[in-house]
Amino acid sequence: MKSAIDLIADCAESARAGGQNDVPSPCISVCRMSPVSGLCEGCFRTLEEIAGWSRMDGEGKRAIWLLIEQRAGLVPT
């Protein structure tokens, strides 16, 4: 079974390659907030980022994807 980080890594490439508004959601249906980090243990987003996702444009969503990749340790911070 793939870990949350593996699933996020798979989706991150699609997020970078998508069209202007065709940015996939990072949700992997593991919706559990970490009391330590304040991030979702599945998608590595804050509650504010999750709540605002549907109102963001492609540029905003890609910015969140970069934060997710950094938080997951997939790219340097």
N, C-alpha and C. Protein backbone atom coordinates (compact mmCIF):
# COMPACT_ATOMS: atom_id res chain seq x y z
N MET A 1 0.84 -1.18 0.00
CA MET A 1 0.00 0.00 0.00
C MET A 1 0.89 1.24 0.00
N LYS A 2 0.57 2.20 -0.86
CA LYS A 2 1.35 3.42 -0.96
C LYS A 2 1.09 4.32 0.24
N SER A 3 2.14 5.03 0.66
CA SER A 3 2.00 6.01 1.73
C SER A 3 1.40 7.30 1.18
N ALA A 4 0.99 8.18 2.08
CA ALA A 4 0.44 9.48 1.66
C ALA A 4 1.48 10.23 0.84
N ILE A 5 2.74 10.16 1.23
CA ILE A 5 3.79 10.87 0.49
C ILE A 5 3.93 10.30 -0.91
N ASP A 6 3.86 9.00 -1.06
CA ASP A 6 3.94 8.39 -2.40
C ASP A 6 2.77 8.83 -3.27
N LEU A 7 1.57 8.86 -2.71
CA LEU A 7 0.39 9.28 -3.47
C LEU A 7 0.48 10.75 -3.87
N ILE A 8 0.95 11.58 -2.94
CA ILE A 8 1.12 13.01 -3.24
C ILE A 8 2.17 13.19 -4.34
N ALA A 9 3.27 12.46 -4.26
CA ALA A 9 4.31 12.56 -5.29
C ALA A 9 3.76 12.20 -6.66
N ASP A 10 2.93 11.18 -6.73
CA ASP A 10 2.32 10.78 -8.00
C ASP A 10 1.44 11.89 -8.57
N CYS A 11 0.66 12.54 -7.70
CA CYS A 11 -0.27 13.58 -8.14
C CYS A 11 0.43 14.91 -8.43
N ALA A 12 1.56 15.16 -7.79
CA ALA A 12 2.25 16.44 -7.94
C ALA A 12 2.69 16.67 -9.39
N GLU A 13 3.13 15.64 -10.03
CA GLU A 13 3.55 15.77 -11.43
C GLU A 13 2.38 16.20 -12.31
N SER A 14 1.21 15.63 -12.08
CA SER A 14 0.02 16.02 -12.83
C SER A 14 -0.34 17.48 -12.57
N ALA A 15 -0.16 17.92 -11.34
CA ALA A 15 -0.48 19.30 -10.99
C ALA A 15 0.42 20.27 -11.75
N ARG A 16 1.69 19.94 -11.86
CA ARG A 16 2.63 20.81 -12.59
C ARG A 16 2.37 20.79 -14.08
N ALA A 17 1.91 19.68 -14.61
CA ALA A 17 1.74 19.52 -16.06
C ALA A 17 0.37 19.98 -16.56
N GLY A 18 -0.59 20.14 -15.67
CA GLY A 18 -1.95 20.46 -16.08
C GLY A 18 -2.08 21.83 -16.73
N GLY A 19 -3.22 22.04 -17.34
CA GLY A 19 -3.51 23.32 -17.97
C GLY A 19 -3.72 24.41 -16.93
N GLN A 20 -4.02 25.62 -17.38
CA GLN A 20 -4.15 26.78 -16.50
C GLN A 20 -5.11 26.52 -15.33
N ASN A 21 -6.26 25.95 -15.61
CA ASN A 21 -7.23 25.71 -14.54
C ASN A 21 -7.47 24.24 -14.28
N ASP A 22 -6.68 23.38 -14.88
CA ASP A 22 -6.84 21.94 -14.74
C ASP A 22 -5.83 21.41 -13.73
N VAL A 23 -5.99 21.81 -12.46
CA VAL A 23 -5.06 21.41 -11.40
C VAL A 23 -5.79 20.43 -10.49
N PRO A 24 -5.28 19.20 -10.37
CA PRO A 24 -5.97 18.20 -9.56
C PRO A 24 -5.91 18.50 -8.07
N SER A 25 -6.93 18.09 -7.38
CA SER A 25 -6.96 18.23 -5.92
C SER A 25 -5.94 17.27 -5.31
N PRO A 26 -5.26 17.70 -4.27
CA PRO A 26 -4.32 16.81 -3.58
C PRO A 26 -4.99 15.85 -2.61
N CYS A 27 -6.30 15.94 -2.46
CA CYS A 27 -7.00 15.08 -1.51
C CYS A 27 -6.85 13.60 -1.90
N ILE A 28 -6.44 12.79 -0.93
CA ILE A 28 -6.32 11.35 -1.16
C ILE A 28 -7.27 10.58 -0.23
N SER A 29 -8.26 11.28 0.30
CA SER A 29 -9.30 10.70 1.17
C SER A 29 -8.74 10.13 2.47
N VAL A 30 -7.70 10.77 2.98
CA VAL A 30 -7.19 10.48 4.32
C VAL A 30 -7.32 11.79 5.07
N CYS A 31 -8.53 12.09 5.50
CA CYS A 31 -8.86 13.40 6.05
C CYS A 31 -8.75 13.38 7.57
N ARG A 32 -7.52 13.61 8.02
CA ARG A 32 -7.25 13.58 9.46
C ARG A 32 -6.22 14.67 9.75
N MET A 33 -6.58 15.62 10.60
CA MET A 33 -5.69 16.73 10.90
C MET A 33 -4.73 16.33 12.02
N SER A 34 -3.46 16.62 11.81
CA SER A 34 -2.45 16.34 12.82
C SER A 34 -2.49 17.42 13.89
N PRO A 35 -2.64 17.04 15.15
CA PRO A 35 -2.64 18.05 16.21
C PRO A 35 -1.27 18.70 16.39
N VAL A 36 -0.22 18.04 15.93
CA VAL A 36 1.13 18.57 16.07
C VAL A 36 1.44 19.58 14.98
N SER A 37 1.23 19.21 13.72
CA SER A 37 1.60 20.08 12.60
C SER A 37 0.47 21.00 12.16
N GLY A 38 -0.77 20.64 12.44
CA GLY A 38 -1.91 21.40 11.95
C GLY A 38 -2.21 21.14 10.49
N LEU A 39 -1.59 20.12 9.93
CA LEU A 39 -1.78 19.76 8.52
C LEU A 39 -2.59 18.47 8.42
N CYS A 40 -3.30 18.33 7.29
CA CYS A 40 -3.98 17.07 7.01
C CYS A 40 -2.91 15.99 6.83
N GLU A 41 -3.10 14.85 7.43
CA GLU A 41 -2.12 13.76 7.32
C GLU A 41 -2.14 13.10 5.95
N GLY A 42 -3.17 13.37 5.16
CA GLY A 42 -3.26 12.81 3.81
C GLY A 42 -2.70 13.72 2.75
N CYS A 43 -3.12 15.00 2.76
CA CYS A 43 -2.74 15.89 1.66
C CYS A 43 -1.78 17.00 2.07
N PHE A 44 -1.43 17.08 3.35
CA PHE A 44 -0.46 18.05 3.84
C PHE A 44 -0.91 19.50 3.67
N ARG A 45 -2.25 19.74 3.67
CA ARG A 45 -2.77 21.11 3.60
C ARG A 45 -3.30 21.53 4.96
N THR A 46 -3.36 22.85 5.17
CA THR A 46 -4.00 23.41 6.35
C THR A 46 -5.51 23.42 6.12
N LEU A 47 -6.26 23.62 7.19
CA LEU A 47 -7.72 23.72 7.04
C LEU A 47 -8.08 24.90 6.14
N GLU A 48 -7.36 26.00 6.27
CA GLU A 48 -7.62 27.18 5.43
C GLU A 48 -7.39 26.86 3.95
N GLU A 49 -6.34 26.13 3.65
CA GLU A 49 -6.04 25.76 2.26
C GLU A 49 -7.10 24.80 1.71
N ILE A 50 -7.54 23.88 2.54
CA ILE A 50 -8.57 22.92 2.12
C ILE A 50 -9.87 23.67 1.83
N ALA A 51 -10.27 24.56 2.74
CA ALA A 51 -11.52 25.29 2.60
C ALA A 51 -11.52 26.21 1.39
N GLY A 52 -10.37 26.80 1.06
CA GLY A 52 -10.30 27.74 -0.04
C GLY A 52 -10.01 27.14 -1.40
N TRP A 53 -9.71 25.85 -1.46
CA TRP A 53 -9.28 25.21 -2.70
C TRP A 53 -10.22 25.45 -3.87
N SER A 54 -11.50 25.27 -3.66
CA SER A 54 -12.46 25.37 -4.78
C SER A 54 -12.59 26.79 -5.32
N ARG A 55 -12.16 27.79 -4.55
CA ARG A 55 -12.23 29.17 -5.00
C ARG A 55 -10.93 29.67 -5.61
N MET A 56 -9.88 28.88 -5.56
CA MET A 56 -8.57 29.29 -6.08
C MET A 56 -8.50 29.12 -7.59
N ASP A 57 -7.71 29.98 -8.22
CA ASP A 57 -7.43 29.80 -9.64
C ASP A 57 -6.25 28.83 -9.78
N GLY A 58 -5.89 28.52 -11.01
CA GLY A 58 -4.82 27.56 -11.26
C GLY A 58 -3.50 27.96 -10.62
N GLU A 59 -3.18 29.25 -10.67
CA GLU A 59 -1.93 29.72 -10.09
C GLU A 59 -1.91 29.51 -8.57
N GLY A 60 -3.02 29.81 -7.92
CA GLY A 60 -3.12 29.60 -6.47
C GLY A 60 -3.01 28.13 -6.09
N LYS A 61 -3.65 27.29 -6.87
CA LYS A 61 -3.59 25.84 -6.61
C LYS A 61 -2.17 25.31 -6.80
N ARG A 62 -1.48 25.80 -7.82
CA ARG A 62 -0.09 25.35 -8.02
C ARG A 62 0.82 25.82 -6.89
N ALA A 63 0.54 27.00 -6.34
CA ALA A 63 1.32 27.50 -5.20
C ALA A 63 1.10 26.59 -3.99
N ILE A 64 -0.13 26.14 -3.78
CA ILE A 64 -0.41 25.21 -2.68
C ILE A 64 0.29 23.88 -2.94
N TRP A 65 0.29 23.42 -4.19
CA TRP A 65 0.98 22.17 -4.52
C TRP A 65 2.47 22.27 -4.17
N LEU A 66 3.10 23.41 -4.44
CA LEU A 66 4.52 23.57 -4.09
C LEU A 66 4.71 23.46 -2.58
N LEU A 67 3.82 24.10 -1.81
CA LEU A 67 3.90 23.99 -0.35
C LEU A 67 3.72 22.54 0.10
N ILE A 68 2.79 21.84 -0.52
CA ILE A 68 2.55 20.44 -0.18
C ILE A 68 3.81 19.61 -0.43
N GLU A 69 4.42 19.81 -1.59
CA GLU A 69 5.65 19.06 -1.91
C GLU A 69 6.76 19.37 -0.91
N GLN A 70 6.88 20.63 -0.51
CA GLN A 70 7.88 21.00 0.48
C GLN A 70 7.58 20.36 1.83
N ARG A 71 6.33 20.43 2.24
CA ARG A 71 5.94 19.84 3.53
C ARG A 71 6.14 18.34 3.56
N ALA A 72 5.95 17.69 2.42
CA ALA A 72 6.11 16.23 2.33
C ALA A 72 7.57 15.84 2.14
N GLY A 73 8.45 16.83 1.99
CA GLY A 73 9.87 16.55 1.82
C GLY A 73 10.23 16.10 0.42
N LEU A 74 9.39 16.45 -0.57
CA LEU A 74 9.63 16.02 -1.94
C LEU A 74 10.50 17.00 -2.70
N VAL A 75 10.57 18.26 -2.25
CA VAL A 75 11.45 19.27 -2.85
C VAL A 75 12.05 20.07 -1.71
N PRO A 76 13.22 20.66 -1.94
CA PRO A 76 13.84 21.47 -0.88
C PRO A 76 12.99 22.70 -0.54
N THR A 77 13.05 23.12 0.70
CA THR A 77 12.30 24.31 1.14
C THR A 77 13.10 25.56 0.91
